[in-house]
Amino acid sequence: MFLAEEAVQEVSKIGTFDWFMLAFTVLIAIGFVRLLSARPKKNLFAIGFTAVSLGLFLLIDFIMITKVWLA
């Protein structure tokens, strides 16, 4: 009985919120590339804000994958 309960706990390490975090990271990265490739006039505030957001989301994803998924 205890082995079955432990096996169920091992399967459920990745939650729905984790997939949303990864999806938002991809969306922010796409937006960052589009902001950098803007031709006539670049919005420096938007580029800076997106860079900080992307860095934070990448850090959170790294912690999420190393501490939760691989633990």
N, C-alpha and C. Protein backbone atom coordinates (compact mmCIF):
# COMPACT_ATOMS: atom_id res chain seq x y z
N MET A 1 0.82 -1.19 0.00
CA MET A 1 0.00 0.00 0.00
C MET A 1 0.87 1.25 0.00
N PHE A 2 1.93 1.25 0.76
CA PHE A 2 2.79 2.42 0.84
C PHE A 2 3.54 2.65 -0.47
N LEU A 3 3.91 1.58 -1.15
CA LEU A 3 4.60 1.72 -2.43
C LEU A 3 3.70 2.33 -3.49
N ALA A 4 2.44 1.97 -3.48
CA ALA A 4 1.50 2.54 -4.45
C ALA A 4 1.30 4.03 -4.20
N GLU A 5 1.22 4.42 -2.95
CA GLU A 5 1.06 5.84 -2.63
C GLU A 5 2.29 6.64 -3.02
N GLU A 6 3.46 6.05 -2.82
CA GLU A 6 4.69 6.74 -3.18
C GLU A 6 4.82 6.87 -4.70
N ALA A 7 4.37 5.87 -5.44
CA ALA A 7 4.43 5.92 -6.90
C ALA A 7 3.51 7.00 -7.44
N VAL A 8 2.36 7.18 -6.81
CA VAL A 8 1.43 8.22 -7.24
C VAL A 8 2.03 9.59 -6.99
N GLN A 9 2.74 9.77 -5.90
CA GLN A 9 3.36 11.05 -5.60
C GLN A 9 4.48 11.36 -6.59
N GLU A 10 5.19 10.37 -7.07
CA GLU A 10 6.28 10.59 -8.01
C GLU A 10 5.76 11.07 -9.36
N VAL A 11 4.60 10.64 -9.77
CA VAL A 11 4.06 11.02 -11.07
C VAL A 11 3.60 12.47 -11.08
N SER A 12 3.12 12.98 -9.99
CA SER A 12 2.48 14.29 -9.96
C SER A 12 3.43 15.43 -9.58
N LYS A 13 4.70 15.35 -9.98
CA LYS A 13 5.62 16.44 -9.67
C LYS A 13 5.39 17.67 -10.55
N ILE A 14 4.98 17.47 -11.78
CA ILE A 14 4.77 18.57 -12.71
C ILE A 14 3.30 18.97 -12.65
N GLY A 15 3.07 20.22 -12.27
CA GLY A 15 1.70 20.70 -12.16
C GLY A 15 1.29 21.54 -13.35
N THR A 16 0.04 21.91 -13.37
CA THR A 16 -0.50 22.75 -14.46
C THR A 16 0.16 24.12 -14.45
N PHE A 17 0.42 24.65 -13.28
CA PHE A 17 1.05 25.96 -13.17
C PHE A 17 2.44 25.96 -13.81
N ASP A 18 3.16 24.85 -13.72
CA ASP A 18 4.49 24.75 -14.34
C ASP A 18 4.42 24.92 -15.85
N TRP A 19 3.43 24.32 -16.46
CA TRP A 19 3.29 24.44 -17.92
C TRP A 19 2.92 25.87 -18.31
N PHE A 20 2.10 26.53 -17.50
CA PHE A 20 1.77 27.92 -17.78
C PHE A 20 3.01 28.82 -17.65
N MET A 21 3.85 28.55 -16.67
CA MET A 21 5.08 29.33 -16.51
C MET A 21 5.99 29.17 -17.72
N LEU A 22 6.13 27.95 -18.21
CA LEU A 22 6.95 27.72 -19.40
C LEU A 22 6.35 28.40 -20.63
N ALA A 23 5.03 28.35 -20.77
CA ALA A 23 4.38 28.99 -21.91
C ALA A 23 4.55 30.51 -21.86
N PHE A 24 4.42 31.11 -20.68
CA PHE A 24 4.62 32.56 -20.56
C PHE A 24 6.07 32.95 -20.84
N THR A 25 7.00 32.09 -20.46
CA THR A 25 8.41 32.36 -20.75
C THR A 25 8.65 32.38 -22.25
N VAL A 26 8.05 31.45 -22.96
CA VAL A 26 8.20 31.41 -24.42
C VAL A 26 7.56 32.65 -25.04
N LEU A 27 6.39 33.06 -24.56
CA LEU A 27 5.72 34.25 -25.09
C LEU A 27 6.54 35.51 -24.83
N ILE A 28 7.13 35.62 -23.65
CA ILE A 28 7.96 36.79 -23.35
C ILE A 28 9.20 36.80 -24.23
N ALA A 29 9.79 35.63 -24.47
CA ALA A 29 10.97 35.55 -25.35
C ALA A 29 10.63 35.96 -26.78
N ILE A 30 9.48 35.54 -27.27
CA ILE A 30 9.05 35.94 -28.62
C ILE A 30 8.84 37.45 -28.68
N GLY A 31 8.20 38.01 -27.67
CA GLY A 31 8.00 39.46 -27.62
C GLY A 31 9.31 40.22 -27.54
N PHE A 32 10.28 39.69 -26.81
CA PHE A 32 11.59 40.34 -26.69
C PHE A 32 12.30 40.36 -28.03
N VAL A 33 12.26 39.27 -28.75
CA VAL A 33 12.89 39.22 -30.08
C VAL A 33 12.21 40.19 -31.03
N ARG A 34 10.89 40.26 -30.96
CA ARG A 34 10.17 41.19 -31.83
C ARG A 34 10.48 42.64 -31.49
N LEU A 35 10.64 42.95 -30.21
CA LEU A 35 11.00 44.31 -29.82
C LEU A 35 12.40 44.67 -30.31
N LEU A 36 13.32 43.73 -30.23
CA LEU A 36 14.68 44.01 -30.68
C LEU A 36 14.78 44.15 -32.20
N SER A 37 13.87 43.49 -32.92
CA SER A 37 13.94 43.55 -34.37
C SER A 37 13.08 44.67 -34.97
N ALA A 38 12.51 45.53 -34.15
CA ALA A 38 11.72 46.66 -34.65
C ALA A 38 12.63 47.61 -35.41
N ARG A 39 12.25 47.96 -36.61
CA ARG A 39 13.13 48.74 -37.49
C ARG A 39 13.13 50.25 -37.23
N PRO A 40 12.02 50.93 -37.44
CA PRO A 40 12.15 52.39 -37.46
C PRO A 40 12.49 53.01 -36.10
N LYS A 41 11.79 52.59 -35.06
CA LYS A 41 12.00 53.22 -33.76
C LYS A 41 11.84 52.16 -32.67
N LYS A 42 12.83 52.06 -31.81
CA LYS A 42 12.79 51.07 -30.74
C LYS A 42 12.30 51.71 -29.45
N ASN A 43 11.45 51.01 -28.75
CA ASN A 43 10.95 51.45 -27.46
C ASN A 43 11.88 50.90 -26.38
N LEU A 44 12.76 51.73 -25.87
CA LEU A 44 13.77 51.28 -24.93
C LEU A 44 13.17 50.85 -23.59
N PHE A 45 12.11 51.52 -23.16
CA PHE A 45 11.47 51.11 -21.91
C PHE A 45 10.87 49.71 -22.03
N ALA A 46 10.21 49.44 -23.15
CA ALA A 46 9.61 48.11 -23.36
C ALA A 46 10.69 47.04 -23.47
N ILE A 47 11.80 47.37 -24.11
CA ILE A 47 12.89 46.40 -24.24
C ILE A 47 13.48 46.10 -22.86
N GLY A 48 13.69 47.11 -22.05
CA GLY A 48 14.23 46.91 -20.71
C GLY A 48 13.28 46.13 -19.82
N PHE A 49 12.01 46.49 -19.85
CA PHE A 49 11.02 45.79 -19.04
C PHE A 49 10.91 44.33 -19.44
N THR A 50 10.92 44.08 -20.74
CA THR A 50 10.82 42.71 -21.23
C THR A 50 12.08 41.92 -20.90
N ALA A 51 13.24 42.56 -20.95
CA ALA A 51 14.48 41.88 -20.61
C ALA A 51 14.49 41.46 -19.14
N VAL A 52 14.03 42.35 -18.26
CA VAL A 52 13.97 42.02 -16.83
C VAL A 52 12.95 40.91 -16.60
N SER A 53 11.80 41.00 -17.25
CA SER A 53 10.77 39.97 -17.09
C SER A 53 11.27 38.62 -17.60
N LEU A 54 11.92 38.63 -18.75
CA LEU A 54 12.43 37.38 -19.31
C LEU A 54 13.50 36.78 -18.40
N GLY A 55 14.38 37.61 -17.87
CA GLY A 55 15.40 37.11 -16.95
C GLY A 55 14.79 36.49 -15.71
N LEU A 56 13.77 37.14 -15.16
CA LEU A 56 13.11 36.62 -13.96
C LEU A 56 12.40 35.31 -14.26
N PHE A 57 11.69 35.24 -15.37
CA PHE A 57 10.99 34.01 -15.72
C PHE A 57 11.96 32.88 -16.02
N LEU A 58 13.09 33.18 -16.66
CA LEU A 58 14.09 32.14 -16.90
C LEU A 58 14.67 31.63 -15.59
N LEU A 59 14.91 32.52 -14.64
CA LEU A 59 15.41 32.11 -13.33
C LEU A 59 14.39 31.23 -12.61
N ILE A 60 13.13 31.63 -12.64
CA ILE A 60 12.08 30.85 -11.99
C ILE A 60 11.95 29.48 -12.66
N ASP A 61 12.01 29.44 -14.00
CA ASP A 61 11.93 28.16 -14.70
C ASP A 61 13.12 27.27 -14.36
N PHE A 62 14.30 27.84 -14.25
CA PHE A 62 15.48 27.07 -13.89
C PHE A 62 15.33 26.46 -12.49
N ILE A 63 14.87 27.27 -11.55
CA ILE A 63 14.66 26.77 -10.19
C ILE A 63 13.57 25.71 -10.18
N MET A 64 12.51 25.95 -10.93
CA MET A 64 11.39 25.01 -10.97
C MET A 64 11.85 23.65 -11.53
N ILE A 65 12.63 23.68 -12.58
CA ILE A 65 13.04 22.43 -13.21
C ILE A 65 14.08 21.70 -12.35
N THR A 66 15.06 22.41 -11.82
CA THR A 66 16.11 21.74 -11.05
C THR A 66 15.65 21.30 -9.67
N LYS A 67 14.85 22.09 -8.99
CA LYS A 67 14.47 21.77 -7.62
C LYS A 67 13.23 20.88 -7.53
N VAL A 68 12.31 21.03 -8.45
CA VAL A 68 11.05 20.28 -8.35
C VAL A 68 11.03 19.08 -9.28
N TRP A 69 11.30 19.29 -10.56
CA TRP A 69 11.19 18.20 -11.52
C TRP A 69 12.29 17.17 -11.36
N LEU A 70 13.52 17.62 -11.14
CA LEU A 70 14.65 16.70 -11.08
C LEU A 70 14.98 16.23 -9.67
N ALA A 71 14.27 16.70 -8.69
CA ALA A 71 14.56 16.31 -7.29
C ALA A 71 14.01 14.95 -6.96
